């Protein structure tokens, strides 16, 4: 098991010590802030429904800057990844959280199952689709694939709050032939009556993605559960394969 952040009495996660995180955050905040575009930041904040302030960095520009931030830095261990992610999540501007998500995606194979509580914290803190979906498919999905015992955690997450449940729905998004179809379909049924757009959309999305691997299985599932699934979920699920 790797070293991850420990809990505190106020529900926050305690930061592990990391000299690498010190270096990365010092560079990151200086380089990102110097490239900020206030006009674009206002537009991005409005587009993202005022979920957080922005610096105004486009994705291509941000990733160029990120390469400068990380130039010459060593590979992180789990404590480094935890420290970088949690420190980015404590900064107000959304681009810092995008940096953290990219960093975790890049180094997910260096994370143990012990990182899952940190991932849950990130999913649940300042939650919106822009960070949650990438964490679900590329970080949580990677952790569960590496340690199938974490499927039990997904079984709990599916009944949790909106964004945690969405993560459980989407964590197999990249599994293809390795998809646990029984669990996938069970999760979709479990949340089929959810009134929120983001859950209904996630049901359709995970089914649509699996339909690329087994279209008939998805057609059969939707046919059998059409009365339970929302029209949005059905439409999304069958978008590329037909009824």
Protein backbone atom coordinates (compact mmCIF):
# COMPACT_ATOMS: atom_id res chain seq x y z
CA UNK A 1 0.00 0.00 0.00
CA UNK A 2 1.28 3.48 -0.80
CA UNK A 3 1.39 6.48 1.49
CA UNK A 4 -1.69 8.67 1.15
CA UNK A 5 -3.19 11.60 2.99
CA UNK A 6 -4.69 10.83 6.37
CA UNK A 7 -8.02 12.12 7.62
CA UNK A 8 -8.50 14.89 10.16
CA UNK A 9 -11.32 15.56 12.58
CA UNK A 10 -12.82 18.29 10.35
CA UNK A 11 -13.16 15.93 7.40
CA UNK A 12 -10.29 17.40 5.40
CA UNK A 13 -7.30 15.37 4.25
CA UNK A 14 -3.95 16.06 5.81
CA UNK A 15 -1.23 16.81 3.30
CA UNK A 16 1.74 14.44 3.21
CA UNK A 17 5.13 16.10 3.11
CA UNK A 18 6.58 16.29 -0.39
CA UNK A 19 9.58 18.28 -1.56
CA UNK A 20 8.54 17.50 -5.13
CA UNK A 21 5.10 19.02 -4.52
CA UNK A 22 6.78 22.11 -3.08
CA UNK A 23 8.76 22.52 -6.29
CA UNK A 24 5.85 21.78 -8.61
CA UNK A 25 3.44 24.15 -6.87
CA UNK A 26 5.97 26.97 -6.71
CA UNK A 27 6.59 26.69 -10.45
CA UNK A 28 2.94 26.05 -11.28
CA UNK A 29 1.48 29.08 -9.53
CA UNK A 30 4.15 31.40 -10.98
CA UNK A 31 3.93 30.12 -14.57
CA UNK A 32 0.15 29.79 -14.77
CA UNK A 33 -0.52 33.16 -13.12
CA UNK A 34 1.88 34.95 -15.47
CA UNK A 35 -0.10 33.66 -18.47
CA UNK A 36 -3.55 34.56 -17.11
CA UNK A 37 -6.06 36.22 -19.42
CA UNK A 38 -8.75 38.03 -17.38
CA UNK A 39 -11.16 38.47 -20.29
CA UNK A 40 -11.06 34.82 -21.25
CA UNK A 41 -11.24 33.90 -17.55
CA UNK A 42 -14.58 35.67 -17.23
CA UNK A 43 -15.94 33.86 -20.30
CA UNK A 44 -14.74 30.48 -19.02
CA UNK A 45 -16.25 31.07 -15.60
CA UNK A 46 -19.62 31.92 -17.14
CA UNK A 47 -19.49 28.89 -19.47
CA UNK A 48 -18.76 26.59 -16.52
CA UNK A 49 -21.76 27.92 -14.57
CA UNK A 50 -19.62 29.86 -12.08
CA UNK A 51 -18.33 26.67 -10.48
CA UNK A 52 -14.97 28.35 -9.80
CA UNK A 53 -12.82 31.29 -10.87
CA UNK A 54 -10.52 30.76 -13.85
CA UNK A 55 -7.18 32.10 -15.00
CA UNK A 56 -8.30 32.08 -18.62
CA UNK A 57 -5.90 29.46 -20.00
CA UNK A 58 -6.98 27.40 -23.00
CA UNK A 59 -6.32 23.68 -22.79
CA UNK A 60 -3.53 23.67 -25.44
CA UNK A 61 -1.79 26.66 -23.82
CA UNK A 62 -2.18 25.20 -20.36
CA UNK A 63 -0.58 21.92 -21.37
CA UNK A 64 2.38 23.71 -22.92
CA UNK A 65 2.83 25.61 -19.67
CA UNK A 66 2.49 22.37 -17.70
CA UNK A 67 5.40 20.86 -19.59
CA UNK A 68 7.49 23.84 -18.52
CA UNK A 69 6.35 23.37 -14.91
CA UNK A 70 7.37 19.70 -14.92
CA UNK A 71 10.56 20.00 -16.94
CA UNK A 72 13.34 18.14 -15.13
CA UNK A 73 11.21 16.98 -12.21
CA UNK A 74 11.53 13.34 -11.08
CA UNK A 75 8.81 10.73 -11.20
CA UNK A 76 6.51 11.09 -8.20
CA UNK A 77 5.56 8.48 -5.67
CA UNK A 78 2.07 8.22 -4.23
CA UNK A 79 2.70 10.76 -1.48
CA UNK A 80 3.93 13.26 -4.08
CA UNK A 81 0.83 12.72 -6.21
CA UNK A 82 -1.41 13.14 -3.19
CA UNK A 83 0.31 16.35 -2.12
CA UNK A 84 0.22 17.85 -5.62
CA UNK A 85 -3.47 17.01 -6.08
CA UNK A 86 -4.65 18.24 -2.69
CA UNK A 87 -2.65 21.45 -2.92
CA UNK A 88 -4.02 22.16 -6.38
CA UNK A 89 -7.54 21.53 -5.08
CA UNK A 90 -7.01 24.13 -2.37
CA UNK A 91 -6.23 26.84 -4.94
CA UNK A 92 -9.26 28.74 -6.22
CA UNK A 93 -8.66 28.81 -9.98
CA UNK A 94 -9.93 25.82 -11.90
CA UNK A 95 -6.87 25.39 -14.11
CA UNK A 96 -4.86 24.24 -11.09
CA UNK A 97 -7.30 21.40 -10.62
CA UNK A 98 -7.03 20.55 -14.32
CA UNK A 99 -3.26 20.35 -13.84
CA UNK A 100 -3.75 17.95 -10.93
CA UNK A 101 -6.09 15.72 -12.93
CA UNK A 102 -3.58 15.55 -15.80
CA UNK A 103 -0.80 14.76 -13.31
CA UNK A 104 -2.77 11.92 -11.74
CA UNK A 105 -3.74 10.51 -15.14
CA UNK A 106 -0.10 10.48 -16.15
CA UNK A 107 1.01 8.70 -12.99
CA UNK A 108 -2.01 6.54 -12.12
CA UNK A 109 0.06 3.35 -12.30
CA UNK A 110 2.15 4.68 -9.42
CA UNK A 111 -0.93 4.87 -7.19
CA UNK A 112 -2.12 2.09 -4.91
CA UNK A 113 -5.65 1.23 -3.83
CA UNK A 114 -4.95 3.40 -0.80
CA UNK A 115 -5.33 6.44 -3.03
CA UNK A 116 -9.06 5.84 -3.48
CA UNK A 117 -10.12 8.02 -0.49
CA UNK A 118 -8.10 10.87 -1.97
CA UNK A 119 -9.81 10.37 -5.33
CA UNK A 120 -13.18 10.45 -3.60
CA UNK A 121 -12.25 13.71 -1.90
CA UNK A 122 -11.31 15.24 -5.25
CA UNK A 123 -14.55 14.02 -6.85
CA UNK A 124 -16.60 15.49 -3.99
CA UNK A 125 -14.83 18.85 -3.64
CA UNK A 126 -15.81 21.66 -6.04
CA UNK A 127 -17.48 18.95 -8.13
CA UNK A 128 -18.47 19.46 -11.75
CA UNK A 129 -18.27 17.30 -14.86
CA UNK A 130 -14.99 18.83 -16.04
CA UNK A 131 -12.94 17.25 -13.25
CA UNK A 132 -15.24 14.42 -12.14
CA UNK A 133 -15.42 12.67 -15.51
CA UNK A 134 -11.66 12.59 -16.03
CA UNK A 135 -11.08 11.38 -12.49
CA UNK A 136 -13.72 8.68 -12.95
CA UNK A 137 -12.46 7.26 -16.23
CA UNK A 138 -8.73 7.75 -15.86
CA UNK A 139 -7.95 7.66 -12.13
CA UNK A 140 -10.68 5.76 -10.27
CA UNK A 141 -11.06 3.41 -13.23
CA UNK A 142 -7.34 2.74 -13.21
CA UNK A 143 -7.31 2.04 -9.48
CA UNK A 144 -10.20 -0.43 -9.70
CA UNK A 145 -8.69 -2.18 -12.71
CA UNK A 146 -5.44 -2.66 -10.78
CA UNK A 147 -7.18 -3.87 -7.61
CA UNK A 148 -10.54 -5.61 -8.20
CA UNK A 149 -11.23 -5.54 -4.45
CA UNK A 150 -12.14 -1.88 -4.99
CA UNK A 151 -15.28 -2.99 -6.84
CA UNK A 152 -16.86 -3.21 -3.40
CA UNK A 153 -16.19 0.48 -2.96
CA UNK A 154 -17.87 1.21 -6.29
CA UNK A 155 -20.88 -0.77 -5.05
CA UNK A 156 -21.11 1.74 -2.20
CA UNK A 157 -20.36 4.77 -4.34
CA UNK A 158 -23.26 4.06 -6.70
CA UNK A 159 -25.66 4.91 -3.84
CA UNK A 160 -23.73 8.00 -2.74
CA UNK A 161 -24.24 11.65 -3.74
CA UNK A 162 -24.65 12.71 -7.36
CA UNK A 163 -20.99 13.12 -8.33
CA UNK A 164 -19.75 10.06 -6.47
CA UNK A 165 -22.50 7.98 -8.07
CA UNK A 166 -21.61 9.42 -11.49
CA UNK A 167 -18.02 8.35 -10.86
CA UNK A 168 -19.14 4.79 -10.13
CA UNK A 169 -21.17 4.75 -13.35
CA UNK A 170 -18.27 6.03 -15.44
CA UNK A 171 -15.30 4.26 -13.87
CA UNK A 172 -15.43 1.43 -16.46
CA UNK A 173 -15.66 3.82 -19.40
CA UNK A 174 -12.33 2.70 -20.89
CA UNK A 175 -12.49 -1.00 -19.97
CA UNK A 176 -13.84 -2.33 -23.29
CA UNK A 177 -13.62 -6.16 -23.22
CA UNK A 178 -12.67 -6.06 -19.54
CA UNK A 179 -15.97 -4.42 -18.57
CA UNK A 180 -17.85 -6.09 -15.74
CA UNK A 181 -21.16 -6.04 -17.61
CA UNK A 182 -23.22 -7.39 -14.74
CA UNK A 183 -22.03 -4.54 -12.55
CA UNK A 184 -22.37 -1.96 -15.34
CA UNK A 185 -25.98 -2.89 -16.06
CA UNK A 186 -26.84 -3.20 -12.37
CA UNK A 187 -25.54 0.32 -11.71
CA UNK A 188 -27.60 1.69 -14.58
CA UNK A 189 -30.75 0.06 -13.20
CA UNK A 190 -29.90 1.21 -9.68
CA UNK A 191 -29.80 4.85 -10.75
CA UNK A 192 -32.35 4.69 -13.58
CA UNK A 193 -34.92 6.66 -11.61
CA UNK A 194 -32.54 9.46 -10.65
CA UNK A 195 -34.01 12.84 -11.61
CA UNK A 196 -30.75 14.65 -12.28
CA UNK A 197 -29.48 15.26 -15.81
CA UNK A 198 -25.89 14.35 -14.94
CA UNK A 199 -26.82 10.87 -13.72
CA UNK A 200 -29.16 10.19 -16.63
CA UNK A 201 -26.51 11.39 -19.07
CA UNK A 202 -23.86 9.22 -17.40
CA UNK A 203 -26.06 6.13 -17.72
CA UNK A 204 -26.45 6.75 -21.43
CA UNK A 205 -22.76 7.56 -21.87
CA UNK A 206 -21.41 4.43 -20.18
CA UNK A 207 -23.84 2.28 -22.15
CA UNK A 208 -22.96 4.03 -25.42
CA UNK A 209 -19.27 3.48 -24.76
CA UNK A 210 -19.76 -0.21 -23.98
CA UNK A 211 -21.87 -0.55 -27.14
CA UNK A 212 -18.64 -0.02 -29.09
CA UNK A 213 -17.54 -3.39 -27.66
CA UNK A 214 -20.83 -5.31 -27.52
CA UNK A 215 -23.66 -3.45 -29.27
CA UNK A 216 -26.12 -6.33 -29.02
CA UNK A 217 -25.71 -6.58 -25.26
CA UNK A 218 -26.53 -2.89 -24.93
CA UNK A 219 -29.52 -3.16 -27.29
CA UNK A 220 -30.86 -6.12 -25.30
CA UNK A 221 -30.32 -4.35 -21.97
CA UNK A 222 -32.07 -1.18 -23.12
CA UNK A 223 -34.94 -3.18 -24.59
CA UNK A 224 -35.44 -4.97 -21.30
CA UNK A 225 -35.17 -1.86 -19.12
CA UNK A 226 -36.71 0.79 -21.37
CA UNK A 227 -39.56 1.40 -18.93
CA UNK A 228 -37.09 2.23 -16.17
CA UNK A 229 -34.51 4.21 -18.14
CA UNK A 230 -35.09 7.88 -18.90
CA UNK A 231 -35.53 8.90 -22.56
CA UNK A 232 -32.20 10.74 -22.32
CA UNK A 233 -30.40 7.60 -21.14
CA UNK A 234 -31.99 5.49 -23.90
CA UNK A 235 -31.20 8.04 -26.60
CA UNK A 236 -27.58 8.31 -25.51
CA UNK A 237 -27.13 4.56 -25.13
CA UNK A 238 -28.38 3.78 -28.63
CA UNK A 239 -26.94 6.83 -30.39
CA UNK A 240 -24.44 4.84 -32.46
CA UNK A 241 -26.03 1.40 -32.64
CA UNK A 242 -29.75 1.92 -33.23
CA UNK A 243 -32.68 0.24 -31.49
